[in-house]
PDB file of N, CA and C in Angstrom:
ATOM      1  N   MET A   1       1.005  -1.327  -0.310  1.00  0.00           N
ATOM      2  CA  MET A   1       0.406  -0.091   0.177  1.00  0.00           C
ATOM      3  C   MET A   1       0.980   1.218   0.436  1.00  0.00           C
ATOM      4  N   VAL A   2       0.813   2.187  -1.120  1.00  0.00           N
ATOM      5  CA  VAL A   2       1.259   3.424  -1.235  1.00  0.00           C
ATOM      6  C   VAL A   2       0.962   4.973   0.019  1.00  0.00           C
ATOM      7  N   GLU A   3       1.347   5.041   0.402  1.00  0.00           N
ATOM      8  CA  GLU A   3       0.812   6.189   1.670  1.00  0.00           C
ATOM      9  C   GLU A   3       1.219   7.666   1.011  1.00  0.00           C
ATOM     10  N   ARG A   4       0.399   8.333   1.135  1.00  0.00           N
ATOM     11  CA  ARG A   4       0.827   9.477   0.827  1.00  0.00           C
ATOM     12  C   ARG A   4       2.546  10.160   1.282  1.00  0.00           C
ATOM     13  N   LYS A   5       2.394  10.079   2.386  1.00  0.00           N
ATOM     14  CA  LYS A   5       4.038  10.771   2.904  1.00  0.00           C
ATOM     15  C   LYS A   5       5.043  10.157   1.542  1.00  0.00           C
ATOM     16  N   ALA A   6       4.078   8.835   1.899  1.00  0.00           N
ATOM     17  CA  ALA A   6       5.356   8.523   1.076  1.00  0.00           C
ATOM     18  C   ALA A   6       6.090   9.090  -0.173  1.00  0.00           C
ATOM     19  N   VAL A   7       4.517   8.983  -1.294  1.00  0.00           N
ATOM     20  CA  VAL A   7       4.989   9.778  -2.468  1.00  0.00           C
ATOM     21  C   VAL A   7       5.593  11.191  -2.481  1.00  0.00           C
ATOM     22  N   LEU A   8       5.139  11.875  -1.310  1.00  0.00           N
ATOM     23  CA  LEU A   8       5.600  13.182  -1.172  1.00  0.00           C
ATOM     24  C   LEU A   8       7.261  13.147  -0.527  1.00  0.00           C
ATOM     25  N   ASP A   9       7.751  11.518   0.037  1.00  0.00           N
ATOM     26  CA  ASP A   9       8.945  12.094   0.484  1.00  0.00           C
ATOM     27  C   ASP A   9      10.405  11.757  -1.226  1.00  0.00           C
ATOM     28  N   ALA A  10       9.366  10.635  -1.623  1.00  0.00           N
ATOM     29  CA  ALA A  10      10.057  10.145  -2.762  1.00  0.00           C
ATOM     30  C   ALA A  10       9.906  11.802  -3.780  1.00  0.00           C
ATOM     31  N   ILE A  11       8.957  12.466  -4.033  1.00  0.00           N
ATOM     32  CA  ILE A  11       9.376  13.976  -4.687  1.00  0.00           C
ATOM     33  C   ILE A  11      10.303  14.163  -4.473  1.00  0.00           C
ATOM     34  N   ALA A  12      10.168  14.453  -3.206  1.00  0.00           N
ATOM     35  CA  ALA A  12      11.271  15.648  -2.239  1.00  0.00           C
ATOM     36  C   ALA A  12      12.610  14.513  -2.836  1.00  0.00           C
ATOM     37  N   GLU A  13      12.728  13.546  -2.229  1.00  0.00           N
ATOM     38  CA  GLU A  13      14.079  13.111  -2.362  1.00  0.00           C
ATOM     39  C   GLU A  13      14.328  13.379  -4.186  1.00  0.00           C
ATOM     40  N   PHE A  14      13.372  13.008  -4.754  1.00  0.00           N
ATOM     41  CA  PHE A  14      14.017  13.571  -6.578  1.00  0.00           C
ATOM     42  C   PHE A  14      14.468  14.699  -6.438  1.00  0.00           C
ATOM     43  N   PHE A  15      13.754  15.666  -6.884  1.00  0.00           N
ATOM     44  CA  PHE A  15      14.447  17.404  -6.219  1.00  0.00           C
ATOM     45  C   PHE A  15      15.363  17.479  -5.446  1.00  0.00           C
ATOM     46  N   ALA A  16      15.513  17.077  -4.423  1.00  0.00           N
ATOM     47  CA  ALA A  16      17.414  16.967  -3.323  1.00  0.00           C
ATOM     48  C   ALA A  16      18.074  16.676  -4.749  1.00  0.00           C
ATOM     49  N   GLU A  17      17.945  15.394  -4.928  1.00  0.00           N
ATOM     50  CA  GLU A  17      19.184  15.008  -5.903  1.00  0.00           C
ATOM     51  C   GLU A  17      19.219  15.913  -6.967  1.00  0.00           C
ATOM     52  N   ASN A  18      18.380  15.806  -8.128  1.00  0.00           N
ATOM     53  CA  ASN A  18      18.557  16.611  -9.499  1.00  0.00           C
ATOM     54  C   ASN A  18      18.208  18.336  -9.115  1.00  0.00           C
ATOM     55  N   PHE A  19      17.603  18.698  -8.422  1.00  0.00           N
ATOM     56  CA  PHE A  19      16.779  19.989  -8.612  1.00  0.00           C
ATOM     57  C   PHE A  19      17.359  20.828  -7.111  1.00  0.00           C
ATOM     58  N   PRO A  20      18.307  20.831  -6.905  1.00  0.00           N
ATOM     59  CA  PRO A  20      18.777  21.398  -5.819  1.00  0.00           C
ATOM     60  C   PRO A  20      18.634  22.309  -4.838  1.00  0.00           C
ATOM     61  N   HIS A  21      18.140  23.358  -5.957  1.00  0.00           N
ATOM     62  CA  HIS A  21      18.207  24.659  -5.874  1.00  0.00           C
ATOM     63  C   HIS A  21      16.796  25.138  -5.478  1.00  0.00           C
ATOM     64  N   VAL A  22      16.278  23.924  -5.310  1.00  0.00           N
ATOM     65  CA  VAL A  22      14.447  23.907  -5.495  1.00  0.00           C
ATOM     66  C   VAL A  22      14.094  24.045  -4.211  1.00  0.00           C
ATOM     67  N   PRO A  23      13.416  25.406  -3.211  1.00  0.00           N
ATOM     68  CA  PRO A  23      13.394  24.572  -1.957  1.00  0.00           C
ATOM     69  C   PRO A  23      12.380  23.861  -1.683  1.00  0.00           C
ATOM     70  N   ARG A  24      11.646  22.844  -0.667  1.00  0.00           N
ATOM     71  CA  ARG A  24      11.252  21.792  -0.741  1.00  0.00           C
ATOM     72  C   ARG A  24      10.005  21.952   0.950  1.00  0.00           C
ATOM     73  N   ASP A  25      10.201  23.328   0.595  1.00  0.00           N
ATOM     74  CA  ASP A  25       9.488  23.801   2.411  1.00  0.00           C
ATOM     75  C   ASP A  25       7.833  23.338   1.666  1.00  0.00           C
ATOM     76  N   ASN A  26       7.886  23.824   0.787  1.00  0.00           N
ATOM     77  CA  ASN A  26       5.794  23.713   0.595  1.00  0.00           C
ATOM     78  C   ASN A  26       6.377  22.367  -0.981  1.00  0.00           C
ATOM     79  N   ILE A  27       5.876  21.446  -0.720  1.00  0.00           N
ATOM     80  CA  ILE A  27       6.362  20.480  -2.030  1.00  0.00           C
ATOM     81  C   ILE A  27       5.200  20.271  -2.436  1.00  0.00           C
ATOM     82  N   GLU A  28       4.089  20.245  -1.983  1.00  0.00           N
ATOM     83  CA  GLU A  28       3.067  20.285  -1.650  1.00  0.00           C
ATOM     84  C   GLU A  28       1.676  20.741  -2.665  1.00  0.00           C
ATOM     85  N   GLY A  29       2.515  22.770  -3.043  1.00  0.00           N
ATOM     86  CA  GLY A  29       1.837  23.558  -3.484  1.00  0.00           C
ATOM     87  C   GLY A  29       2.580  23.320  -4.898  1.00  0.00           C
ATOM     88  N   MET A  30       3.820  22.758  -4.878  1.00  0.00           N
ATOM     89  CA  MET A  30       5.027  22.817  -6.330  1.00  0.00           C
ATOM     90  C   MET A  30       4.053  22.724  -7.489  1.00  0.00           C
ATOM     91  N   LYS A  31       3.551  22.566  -8.878  1.00  0.00           N
ATOM     92  CA  LYS A  31       3.304  21.913 -10.015  1.00  0.00           C
ATOM     93  C   LYS A  31       5.121  20.915 -10.529  1.00  0.00           C
ATOM     94  N   ALA A  32       4.409  20.098 -10.613  1.00  0.00           N
ATOM     95  CA  ALA A  32       6.255  19.794 -11.426  1.00  0.00           C
ATOM     96  C   ALA A  32       6.849  20.723 -13.018  1.00  0.00           C
ATOM     97  N   GLY A  33       5.696  21.183 -13.540  1.00  0.00           N
ATOM     98  CA  GLY A  33       5.402  22.471 -14.580  1.00  0.00           C
ATOM     99  C   GLY A  33       6.365  23.252 -13.912  1.00  0.00           C
ATOM    100  N   ASP A  34       6.676  24.067 -13.160  1.00  0.00           N
ATOM    101  CA  ASP A  34       6.600  24.968 -12.506  1.00  0.00           C
ATOM    102  C   ASP A  34       8.658  24.132 -12.175  1.00  0.00           C
ATOM    103  N   VAL A  35       8.587  23.081 -12.247  1.00  0.00           N
ATOM    104  CA  VAL A  35      10.072  22.203 -11.612  1.00  0.00           C
ATOM    105  C   VAL A  35      10.886  22.253 -13.080  1.00  0.00           C
ATOM    106  N   ILE A  36      10.035  20.934 -13.518  1.00  0.00           N
ATOM    107  CA  ILE A  36      10.701  20.535 -14.605  1.00  0.00           C
ATOM    108  C   ILE A  36      10.183  20.904 -15.881  1.00  0.00           C
ATOM    109  N   GLN A  37      11.632  21.160 -16.097  1.00  0.00           N
ATOM    110  CA  GLN A  37      11.386  22.102 -17.748  1.00  0.00           C
ATOM    111  C   GLN A  37      11.769  20.822 -19.287  1.00  0.00           C
ATOM    112  N   GLN A  38      12.187  20.177 -18.983  1.00  0.00           N
ATOM    113  CA  GLN A  38      12.949  18.997 -20.467  1.00  0.00           C
ATOM    114  C   GLN A  38      11.671  17.877 -20.274  1.00  0.00           C
ATOM    115  N   SER A  39      11.628  16.829 -21.369  1.00  0.00           N
ATOM    116  CA  SER A  39      11.110  15.588 -20.921  1.00  0.00           C
ATOM    117  C   SER A  39      12.305  14.466 -20.614  1.00  0.00           C
ATOM    118  N   LEU A  40      13.193  14.856 -20.738  1.00  0.00           N
ATOM    119  CA  LEU A  40      13.928  13.880 -19.978  1.00  0.00           C
ATOM    120  C   LEU A  40      13.863  13.422 -18.882  1.00  0.00           C
ATOM    121  N   ASP A  41      13.769  15.111 -17.821  1.00  0.00           N
ATOM    122  CA  ASP A  41      13.688  14.841 -15.724  1.00  0.00           C
ATOM    123  C   ASP A  41      12.265  14.903 -16.245  1.00  0.00           C
ATOM    124  N   LEU A  42      11.631  15.029 -16.629  1.00  0.00           N
ATOM    125  CA  LEU A  42      10.199  14.381 -16.397  1.00  0.00           C
ATOM    126  C   LEU A  42      10.234  12.560 -16.703  1.00  0.00           C
ATOM    127  N   VAL A  43      10.307  11.910 -17.371  1.00  0.00           N
ATOM    128  CA  VAL A  43      11.082  10.489 -17.342  1.00  0.00           C
ATOM    129  C   VAL A  43      11.419  10.220 -16.284  1.00  0.00           C
ATOM    130  N   GLU A  44      12.552  10.831 -15.635  1.00  0.00           N
ATOM    131  CA  GLU A  44      13.236  10.478 -15.259  1.00  0.00           C
ATOM    132  C   GLU A  44      12.537  10.895 -13.537  1.00  0.00           C
ATOM    133  N   PHE A  45      11.594  11.347 -13.451  1.00  0.00           N
ATOM    134  CA  PHE A  45      10.994  11.347 -12.448  1.00  0.00           C
ATOM    135  C   PHE A  45       9.822  10.795 -12.210  1.00  0.00           C
ATOM    136  N   VAL A  46       9.596  10.256 -12.900  1.00  0.00           N
ATOM    137  CA  VAL A  46       8.144   9.330 -13.636  1.00  0.00           C
ATOM    138  C   VAL A  46       9.187   7.381 -12.487  1.00  0.00           C
ATOM    139  N   LEU A  47      10.168   7.576 -13.087  1.00  0.00           N
ATOM    140  CA  LEU A  47      11.347   6.175 -12.737  1.00  0.00           C
ATOM    141  C   LEU A  47      11.327   6.275 -11.358  1.00  0.00           C
ATOM    142  N   HIS A  48      11.587   7.338 -11.356  1.00  0.00           N
ATOM    143  CA  HIS A  48      12.368   6.987 -10.114  1.00  0.00           C
ATOM    144  C   HIS A  48      11.198   7.074  -8.839  1.00  0.00           C
ATOM    145  N   LEU A  49      10.097   7.614  -9.235  1.00  0.00           N
ATOM    146  CA  LEU A  49       8.584   7.550  -8.221  1.00  0.00           C
ATOM    147  C   LEU A  49       8.480   5.807  -8.377  1.00  0.00           C
ATOM    148  N   GLU A  50       8.461   5.203  -9.622  1.00  0.00           N
ATOM    149  CA  GLU A  50       7.979   3.996  -9.439  1.00  0.00           C
ATOM    150  C   GLU A  50       9.370   3.136  -9.109  1.00  0.00           C
ATOM    151  N   GLU A  51      10.494   3.128  -9.065  1.00  0.00           N
ATOM    152  CA  GLU A  51      11.714   3.057  -8.048  1.00  0.00           C
ATOM    153  C   GLU A  51      11.073   2.747  -6.711  1.00  0.00           C
ATOM    154  N   LYS A  52      10.452   4.171  -6.571  1.00  0.00           N
ATOM    155  CA  LYS A  52      10.337   4.518  -4.914  1.00  0.00           C
ATOM    156  C   LYS A  52       9.216   3.492  -3.832  1.00  0.00           C
ATOM    157  N   LEU A  53       8.396   3.515  -5.114  1.00  0.00           N
ATOM    158  CA  LEU A  53       6.731   3.479  -4.702  1.00  0.00           C
ATOM    159  C   LEU A  53       7.030   1.746  -5.055  1.00  0.00           C
ATOM    160  N   GLY A  54       7.453   1.705  -5.854  1.00  0.00           N
ATOM    161  CA  GLY A  54       7.225  -0.108  -6.575  1.00  0.00           C
ATOM    162  C   GLY A  54       5.429   0.236  -6.944  1.00  0.00           C
ATOM    163  N   LEU A  55       4.953   1.317  -8.014  1.00  0.00           N
ATOM    164  CA  LEU A  55       4.315   0.940  -8.606  1.00  0.00           C
ATOM    165  C   LEU A  55       5.138   1.169 -10.489  1.00  0.00           C
ATOM    166  N   GLU A  56       3.873   1.046 -10.929  1.00  0.00           N
ATOM    167  CA  GLU A  56       3.997   0.655 -12.578  1.00  0.00           C
ATOM    168  C   GLU A  56       3.297   1.838 -12.794  1.00  0.00           C
ATOM    169  N   ILE A  57       3.817   2.778 -13.424  1.00  0.00           N
ATOM    170  CA  ILE A  57       2.859   4.568 -13.278  1.00  0.00           C
ATOM    171  C   ILE A  57       2.853   4.966 -14.964  1.00  0.00           C
ATOM    172  N   ASN A  58       1.973   4.693 -15.509  1.00  0.00           N
ATOM    173  CA  ASN A  58       1.550   5.047 -17.042  1.00  0.00           C
ATOM    174  C   ASN A  58       1.965   6.779 -17.494  1.00  0.00           C
ATOM    175  N   ILE A  59       2.714   7.133 -18.150  1.00  0.00           N
ATOM    176  CA  ILE A  59       3.032   8.520 -18.521  1.00  0.00           C
ATOM    177  C   ILE A  59       1.885   9.145 -19.323  1.00  0.00           C
ATOM    178  N   ASN A  60       1.391   7.963 -20.297  1.00  0.00           N
ATOM    179  CA  ASN A  60       0.506   8.326 -21.021  1.00  0.00           C
ATOM    180  C   ASN A  60      -0.859   8.642 -20.074  1.00  0.00           C
ATOM    181  N   THR A  61      -1.346   7.480 -19.090  1.00  0.00           N
ATOM    182  CA  THR A  61      -2.758   7.689 -18.440  1.00  0.00           C
ATOM    183  C   THR A  61      -2.654   8.990 -17.775  1.00  0.00           C
ATOM    184  N   LEU A  62      -1.475   9.221 -16.940  1.00  0.00           N
ATOM    185  CA  LEU A  62      -1.310   9.886 -16.367  1.00  0.00           C
ATOM    186  C   LEU A  62      -1.459  11.894 -17.086  1.00  0.00           C
ATOM    187  N   GLY A  63      -0.776  11.935 -18.364  1.00  0.00           N
ATOM    188  CA  GLY A  63      -0.951  12.837 -18.604  1.00  0.00           C
ATOM    189  C   GLY A  63      -0.379  13.646 -18.208  1.00  0.00           C
ATOM    190  N   GLU A  64      -1.291  15.153 -18.409  1.00  0.00           N
ATOM    191  CA  GLU A  64      -1.375  16.259 -18.420  1.00  0.00           C
ATOM    192  C   GLU A  64      -1.272  16.577 -16.691  1.00  0.00           C
ATOM    193  N   LYS A  65      -1.424  16.019 -16.525  1.00  0.00           N
ATOM    194  CA  LYS A  65      -1.674  15.566 -14.174  1.00  0.00           C
ATOM    195  C   LYS A  65      -0.553  15.937 -14.242  1.00  0.00           C
ATOM    196  N   LEU A  66       0.764  15.449 -14.439  1.00  0.00           N
ATOM    197  CA  LEU A  66       1.808  15.133 -14.159  1.00  0.00           C
ATOM    198  C   LEU A  66       2.726  16.880 -13.977  1.00  0.00           C
ATOM    199  N   ILE A  67       2.267  18.042 -14.702  1.00  0.00           N
ATOM    200  CA  ILE A  67       2.191  19.019 -15.062  1.00  0.00           C
ATOM    201  C   ILE A  67       1.694  19.951 -14.723  1.00  0.00           C
ATOM    202  N   THR A  68       0.181  19.801 -14.728  1.00  0.00           N
ATOM    203  CA  THR A  68      -0.844  21.010 -14.135  1.00  0.00           C
ATOM    204  C   THR A  68      -0.986  20.575 -13.096  1.00  0.00           C
ATOM    205  N   LYS A  69      -1.594  19.372 -12.526  1.00  0.00           N
ATOM    206  CA  LYS A  69      -1.099  19.449 -10.880  1.00  0.00           C
ATOM    207  C   LYS A  69      -0.644  19.852  -9.695  1.00  0.00           C
ATOM    208  N   THR A  70      -0.837  19.994  -8.674  1.00  0.00           N
ATOM    209  CA  THR A  70       0.052  20.683  -7.732  1.00  0.00           C
ATOM    210  C   THR A  70       0.606  18.897  -7.386  1.00  0.00           C
ATOM    211  N   PHE A  71       1.963  19.050  -6.858  1.00  0.00           N
ATOM    212  CA  PHE A  71       2.595  17.238  -6.160  1.00  0.00           C
ATOM    213  C   PHE A  71       1.401  17.017  -5.384  1.00  0.00           C
ATOM    214  N   GLY A  72       0.857  17.726  -4.521  1.00  0.00           N
ATOM    215  CA  GLY A  72      -0.005  17.285  -3.242  1.00  0.00           C
ATOM    216  C   GLY A  72      -1.128  16.456  -3.643  1.00  0.00           C
ATOM    217  N   GLU A  73      -2.092  17.390  -5.615  1.00  0.00           N
ATOM    218  CA  GLU A  73      -2.871  16.245  -6.573  1.00  0.00           C
ATOM    219  C   GLU A  73      -2.657  15.228  -6.884  1.00  0.00           C
ATOM    220  N   LEU A  74      -1.010  15.365  -7.420  1.00  0.00           N
ATOM    221  CA  LEU A  74      -0.942  14.131  -7.804  1.00  0.00           C
ATOM    222  C   LEU A  74      -0.431  12.847  -6.756  1.00  0.00           C
ATOM    223  N   ALA A  75       0.297  13.291  -5.868  1.00  0.00           N
ATOM    224  CA  ALA A  75       0.745  12.565  -5.054  1.00  0.00           C
ATOM    225  C   ALA A  75      -1.355  11.883  -4.263  1.00  0.00           C
ATOM    226  N   ALA A  76      -2.237  12.423  -4.337  1.00  0.00           N
ATOM    227  CA  ALA A  76      -2.966  11.363  -4.462  1.00  0.00           C
ATOM    228  C   ALA A  76      -3.350  10.497  -4.767  1.00  0.00           C
ATOM    229  N   ASP A  77      -3.209  10.878  -6.638  1.00  0.00           N
ATOM    230  CA  ASP A  77      -3.628  10.629  -7.034  1.00  0.00           C
ATOM    231  C   ASP A  77      -2.925   9.614  -7.568  1.00  0.00           C
ATOM    232  N   LEU A  78      -1.696   9.076  -6.837  1.00  0.00           N
ATOM    233  CA  LEU A  78      -0.578   8.470  -7.613  1.00  0.00           C
ATOM    234  C   LEU A  78      -1.520   7.507  -5.780  1.00  0.00           C
ATOM    235  N   VAL A  79      -1.784   7.478  -4.750  1.00  0.00           N
ATOM    236  CA  VAL A  79      -2.167   6.709  -3.973  1.00  0.00           C
ATOM    237  C   VAL A  79      -2.826   6.024  -4.647  1.00  0.00           C
ATOM    238  N   ALA A  80      -4.442   6.705  -4.815  1.00  0.00           N
ATOM    239  CA  ALA A  80      -5.860   5.877  -6.121  1.00  0.00           C
ATOM    240  C   ALA A  80      -4.926   4.948  -6.801  1.00  0.00           C
ATOM    241  N   MET A  81      -4.147   5.453  -7.786  1.00  0.00           N
ATOM    242  CA  MET A  81      -3.767   4.270  -8.351  1.00  0.00           C
ATOM    243  C   MET A  81      -3.162   3.154  -7.639  1.00  0.00           C
ATOM    244  N   ALA A  82      -2.078   3.424  -6.967  1.00  0.00           N
ATOM    245  CA  ALA A  82      -1.284   2.064  -6.300  1.00  0.00           C
ATOM    246  C   ALA A  82      -2.957   0.974  -5.468  1.00  0.00           C
ATOM    247  N   LYS A  83      -4.422   1.931  -5.098  1.00  0.00           N
ATOM    248  CA  LYS A  83      -5.196   1.618  -4.599  1.00  0.00           C
ATOM    249  C   LYS A  83      -5.532   0.352  -5.993  1.00  0.00           C
ATOM    250  N   GLY A  84      -5.533   0.741  -6.519  1.00  0.00           N
ATOM    251  CA  GLY A  84      -6.739   0.238  -7.787  1.00  0.00           C
ATOM    252  C   GLY A  84      -7.613   0.927  -8.455  1.00  0.00           C
ATOM    253  N   ALA A  85      -8.159   1.798  -7.886  1.00  0.00           N
ATOM    254  CA  ALA A  85      -9.517   2.909  -8.065  1.00  0.00           C
ATOM    255  C   ALA A  85      -9.454   3.702  -9.328  1.00  0.00           C
TER     256      ALA A  85
END
């Protein structure tokens, strides 16, 4: 079972490793599109989440959500996805 905190921790870890200049104190309110500018970075972000959370994430299914939603909203979507909703 994937917990919301685990998703947010994995997101924060990715940004600490790959975008250290990005403040992580309000990660839930940030949008990926504001931080991730290149498609390769987006793919690496999804691969990181898959590895850390043990999920298979279909980029095509999430689509624009990966860019337009906040990380808090994305965390909720990934928790729901893990539950099979």
